[in-house]
Amino acid sequence: MTDTRAFYDTIAEDYADHFRDPLAERPLERALLAAYAEQVGPHGTVADLGCGPGDVTAHLAGLGLSVFGVDLSDAMIAIARRRYPALRFEQGSMRELSSADGSLAGVVSWYSSIHTPVDELPDLFAEFHRVLAPGGRLLLAFQVGDLPLRLERPFGRDVALDYERRRPEQMAERLSGAGFTVRSTTVRGPEVTRGESPVPQAFLLAQKEG
């Protein structure tokens, strides 16, 4: 977590400028977020975990959700608060959330589990399960693949970090083991858009049992 925090603190301003309005060119992602918002409904709170500069958090708020963002990086949280002062953002780890047991209607992990080693995913999903109310919804987005991407010196900054890629069926199995029912799995091919990695992208919608 220390390396991840330092990495994003270093590139926060560059990242936020480069990936501004990340959903503009991605209609499928907007549709999935709209479906998720409809499933969760306006009653209850949603946590956008690993929210970065807050663009997805703001999009979810625009869909009528009561949502707040959490990110490990202080610099990212500062940008999110500056861009979206009407929304709530907290610095913290999604592995140790401050939310009470069963207090959330939804959790969104939009490409934020990609820095969690595979052997630590059960603990991460257990934390998601803990904070969700029975029947609460989880939306998980990640890149598809078997080997990690090593990103070195992004934007000319002297930092590096691994981006883990996963198989949807393996992630679904781990979610089931954590007490979730996977309701849908969507995989789309890579697209030539700003910031897109040349690999498929996966989106899992899951629900806490009970």
Protein backbone atom coordinates (compact mmCIF):
# COMPACT_ATOMS: atom_id res chain seq x y z
CA MET A 1 0.00 0.00 0.00
CA THR A 2 2.90 2.34 0.69
CA ASP A 3 4.17 1.95 -2.89
CA THR A 4 0.68 2.43 -4.33
CA ARG A 5 0.09 5.57 -2.29
CA ALA A 6 3.45 7.06 -3.25
CA PHE A 7 2.89 6.23 -6.93
CA TYR A 8 -0.48 7.99 -7.15
CA ASP A 9 0.55 10.90 -4.96
CA THR A 10 3.38 11.52 -7.43
CA ILE A 11 1.33 11.35 -10.65
CA ALA A 12 -2.03 12.64 -9.33
CA GLU A 13 -2.18 15.94 -11.20
CA ASP A 14 -0.88 14.44 -14.47
CA TYR A 15 -3.27 11.50 -14.18
CA ALA A 16 -6.29 13.66 -13.43
CA ASP A 17 -5.62 15.93 -16.40
CA HIS A 18 -4.87 13.10 -18.83
CA PHE A 19 -7.91 11.00 -17.88
CA ARG A 20 -10.40 13.83 -17.36
CA ASP A 21 -13.98 12.73 -18.13
CA PRO A 22 -12.94 9.07 -18.56
CA LEU A 23 -16.47 7.87 -19.44
CA ALA A 24 -17.02 10.27 -22.35
CA GLU A 25 -15.85 7.77 -24.99
CA ARG A 26 -17.18 4.63 -23.29
CA PRO A 27 -20.93 4.11 -23.78
CA LEU A 28 -20.88 0.52 -22.51
CA GLU A 29 -19.37 1.61 -19.20
CA ARG A 30 -21.96 4.38 -18.86
CA ALA A 31 -24.71 1.83 -19.51
CA LEU A 32 -23.33 -0.55 -16.88
CA LEU A 33 -23.10 2.25 -14.32
CA ALA A 34 -26.68 3.29 -15.13
CA ALA A 35 -27.88 -0.31 -14.67
CA TYR A 36 -26.00 -0.52 -11.40
CA ALA A 37 -27.54 2.75 -10.16
CA GLU A 38 -31.01 1.50 -11.03
CA GLN A 39 -30.42 -1.75 -9.15
CA VAL A 40 -29.14 0.03 -6.04
CA GLY A 41 -31.82 2.72 -6.13
CA PRO A 42 -31.85 6.11 -4.41
CA HIS A 43 -32.20 4.75 -0.87
CA GLY A 44 -28.92 3.88 0.80
CA THR A 45 -25.29 4.90 0.43
CA VAL A 46 -22.72 3.75 -2.12
CA ALA A 47 -18.93 3.83 -1.66
CA ASP A 48 -16.71 4.39 -4.70
CA LEU A 49 -13.51 2.71 -3.54
CA GLY A 50 -10.26 3.81 -5.14
CA CYS A 51 -12.08 6.85 -6.51
CA GLY A 52 -9.01 8.71 -7.78
CA PRO A 53 -9.89 12.24 -8.88
CA GLY A 54 -13.59 11.56 -8.34
CA ASP A 55 -14.95 11.46 -11.89
CA VAL A 56 -16.79 8.14 -11.51
CA THR A 57 -18.04 9.22 -8.08
CA ALA A 58 -19.52 12.35 -9.64
CA HIS A 59 -21.04 10.32 -12.48
CA LEU A 60 -22.76 8.03 -9.97
CA ALA A 61 -24.05 11.06 -8.07
CA GLY A 62 -25.45 12.36 -11.35
CA LEU A 63 -27.36 9.07 -11.69
CA GLY A 64 -29.13 9.80 -8.42
CA LEU A 65 -27.04 7.79 -5.98
CA SER A 66 -25.97 8.94 -2.54
CA VAL A 67 -22.28 8.24 -3.04
CA PHE A 68 -18.93 9.05 -1.46
CA GLY A 69 -15.39 8.34 -2.59
CA VAL A 70 -12.44 6.74 -0.81
CA ASP A 71 -8.85 6.72 -2.06
CA LEU A 72 -5.48 5.80 -0.61
CA SER A 73 -3.79 8.84 -2.18
CA ASP A 74 -4.03 12.17 -0.37
CA ALA A 75 -3.19 13.96 -3.62
CA MET A 76 -6.05 12.25 -5.46
CA ILE A 77 -8.49 13.10 -2.69
CA ALA A 78 -7.37 16.75 -2.83
CA ILE A 79 -8.13 16.85 -6.57
CA ALA A 80 -11.51 15.16 -6.09
CA ARG A 81 -12.52 17.64 -3.40
CA ARG A 82 -11.40 20.53 -5.59
CA ARG A 83 -13.30 19.30 -8.63
CA TYR A 84 -16.46 18.18 -6.83
CA PRO A 85 -16.80 20.22 -3.63
CA ALA A 86 -20.41 19.15 -3.11
CA LEU A 87 -19.43 15.49 -2.76
CA ARG A 88 -17.79 13.64 0.12
CA PHE A 89 -14.31 12.19 -0.27
CA GLU A 90 -12.22 10.38 2.34
CA GLN A 91 -8.58 9.35 2.42
CA GLY A 92 -8.26 5.72 3.45
CA SER A 93 -7.64 2.12 2.48
CA MET A 94 -10.41 0.07 0.93
CA ARG A 95 -8.98 -2.88 2.84
CA GLU A 96 -9.82 -1.21 6.17
CA LEU A 97 -12.95 0.86 5.64
CA SER A 98 -14.40 3.12 8.30
CA SER A 99 -17.98 2.16 7.37
CA ALA A 100 -19.93 0.08 9.87
CA ASP A 101 -20.97 -3.50 9.20
CA GLY A 102 -23.90 -3.70 6.77
CA SER A 103 -24.12 0.07 6.37
CA LEU A 104 -23.81 0.41 2.59
CA ALA A 105 -26.25 -0.30 -0.22
CA GLY A 106 -23.48 -0.51 -2.78
CA VAL A 107 -19.74 -0.72 -3.38
CA VAL A 108 -18.00 0.23 -6.63
CA SER A 109 -14.43 -0.91 -7.27
CA TRP A 110 -13.68 0.68 -10.62
CA TYR A 111 -10.24 -0.63 -11.58
CA SER A 112 -9.13 -0.28 -7.96
CA SER A 113 -8.56 -3.94 -7.07
CA ILE A 114 -5.78 -4.13 -9.67
CA HIS A 115 -3.07 -3.29 -7.14
CA THR A 116 -4.14 -6.01 -4.70
CA PRO A 117 -2.02 -9.20 -4.90
CA VAL A 118 -4.04 -12.27 -5.78
CA ASP A 119 -3.50 -13.90 -2.38
CA GLU A 120 -4.98 -10.82 -0.68
CA LEU A 121 -8.16 -10.69 -2.76
CA PRO A 122 -10.15 -12.86 -0.28
CA ASP A 123 -9.50 -10.32 2.48
CA LEU A 124 -10.43 -7.44 0.17
CA PHE A 125 -13.70 -9.07 -0.89
CA ALA A 126 -14.46 -9.95 2.72
CA GLU A 127 -14.17 -6.25 3.56
CA PHE A 128 -16.55 -5.36 0.73
CA HIS A 129 -18.95 -8.00 2.06
CA ARG A 130 -18.67 -6.69 5.61
CA VAL A 131 -19.75 -3.13 4.80
CA LEU A 132 -22.59 -4.09 2.47
CA ALA A 133 -26.11 -4.62 3.74
CA PRO A 134 -27.80 -7.93 2.85
CA GLY A 135 -28.76 -7.68 -0.81
CA GLY A 136 -26.22 -4.88 -1.38
CA ARG A 137 -24.63 -4.56 -4.81
CA LEU A 138 -20.99 -4.67 -5.89
CA LEU A 139 -19.65 -3.47 -9.24
CA LEU A 140 -16.11 -4.62 -10.02
CA ALA A 141 -14.12 -3.46 -13.08
CA PHE A 142 -10.68 -4.74 -14.11
CA GLN A 143 -8.46 -5.57 -17.08
CA VAL A 144 -8.48 -9.12 -18.42
CA GLY A 145 -5.26 -11.11 -18.64
CA ASP A 146 -2.85 -13.48 -16.95
CA LEU A 147 0.25 -11.32 -16.58
CA PRO A 148 0.61 -7.96 -14.82
CA LEU A 149 1.49 -4.73 -16.57
CA ARG A 150 4.58 -3.00 -15.19
CA LEU A 151 4.15 0.75 -15.61
CA GLU A 152 7.41 2.64 -15.25
CA ARG A 153 8.01 6.40 -15.30
CA PRO A 154 4.46 7.47 -16.26
CA PHE A 155 4.30 11.12 -17.33
CA GLY A 156 8.09 11.20 -16.89
CA ARG A 157 7.81 10.74 -13.13
CA ASP A 158 10.35 8.55 -11.34
CA VAL A 159 7.88 5.93 -10.05
CA ALA A 160 6.73 2.45 -11.09
CA LEU A 161 3.86 0.12 -10.19
CA ASP A 162 2.37 -3.23 -11.23
CA TYR A 163 -1.18 -3.40 -12.60
CA GLU A 164 -2.64 -6.86 -12.06
CA ARG A 165 -4.85 -8.38 -14.74
CA ARG A 166 -7.40 -11.09 -13.95
CA ARG A 167 -9.65 -13.68 -15.52
CA PRO A 168 -13.40 -12.99 -15.01
CA GLU A 169 -14.17 -16.61 -14.10
CA GLN A 170 -11.47 -16.58 -11.43
CA MET A 171 -12.74 -13.31 -9.97
CA ALA A 172 -16.30 -14.64 -9.98
CA GLU A 173 -15.14 -17.72 -8.08
CA ARG A 174 -13.43 -15.58 -5.45
CA LEU A 175 -16.52 -13.38 -5.09
CA SER A 176 -18.66 -16.47 -4.59
CA GLY A 177 -16.25 -17.63 -1.91
CA ALA A 178 -16.69 -14.30 -0.13
CA GLY A 179 -20.48 -14.65 0.00
CA PHE A 180 -21.49 -12.87 -3.21
CA THR A 181 -23.75 -14.03 -6.01
CA VAL A 182 -22.46 -12.88 -9.39
CA ARG A 183 -25.44 -11.51 -11.31
CA SER A 184 -23.73 -10.60 -14.57
CA THR A 185 -20.36 -10.71 -16.27
CA THR A 186 -19.57 -8.36 -19.15
CA VAL A 187 -16.36 -8.48 -21.16
CA ARG A 188 -15.61 -6.10 -24.01
CA GLY A 189 -12.67 -6.03 -26.35
CA PRO A 190 -10.03 -3.30 -26.29
CA GLU A 191 -10.90 -0.02 -27.96
CA VAL A 192 -8.71 2.71 -29.40
CA THR A 193 -9.63 5.42 -26.94
CA ARG A 194 -7.62 7.71 -24.71
CA GLY A 195 -5.89 5.77 -21.96
CA GLU A 196 -7.17 2.36 -23.05
CA SER A 197 -4.86 -0.61 -22.51
CA PRO A 198 -4.84 -3.08 -25.44
CA VAL A 199 -6.55 -5.88 -23.51
CA PRO A 200 -10.19 -6.81 -22.86
CA GLN A 201 -12.02 -5.13 -20.00
CA ALA A 202 -14.28 -7.00 -17.54
CA PHE A 203 -17.20 -5.82 -15.40
CA LEU A 204 -18.80 -8.01 -12.75
CA LEU A 205 -22.08 -7.15 -11.03
CA ALA A 206 -22.51 -9.09 -7.79
CA GLN A 207 -24.89 -9.11 -4.86
CA LYS A 208 -24.36 -9.90 -1.20
CA GLU A 209 -26.39 -12.96 -0.29
CA GLY A 210 -29.25 -12.64 2.13
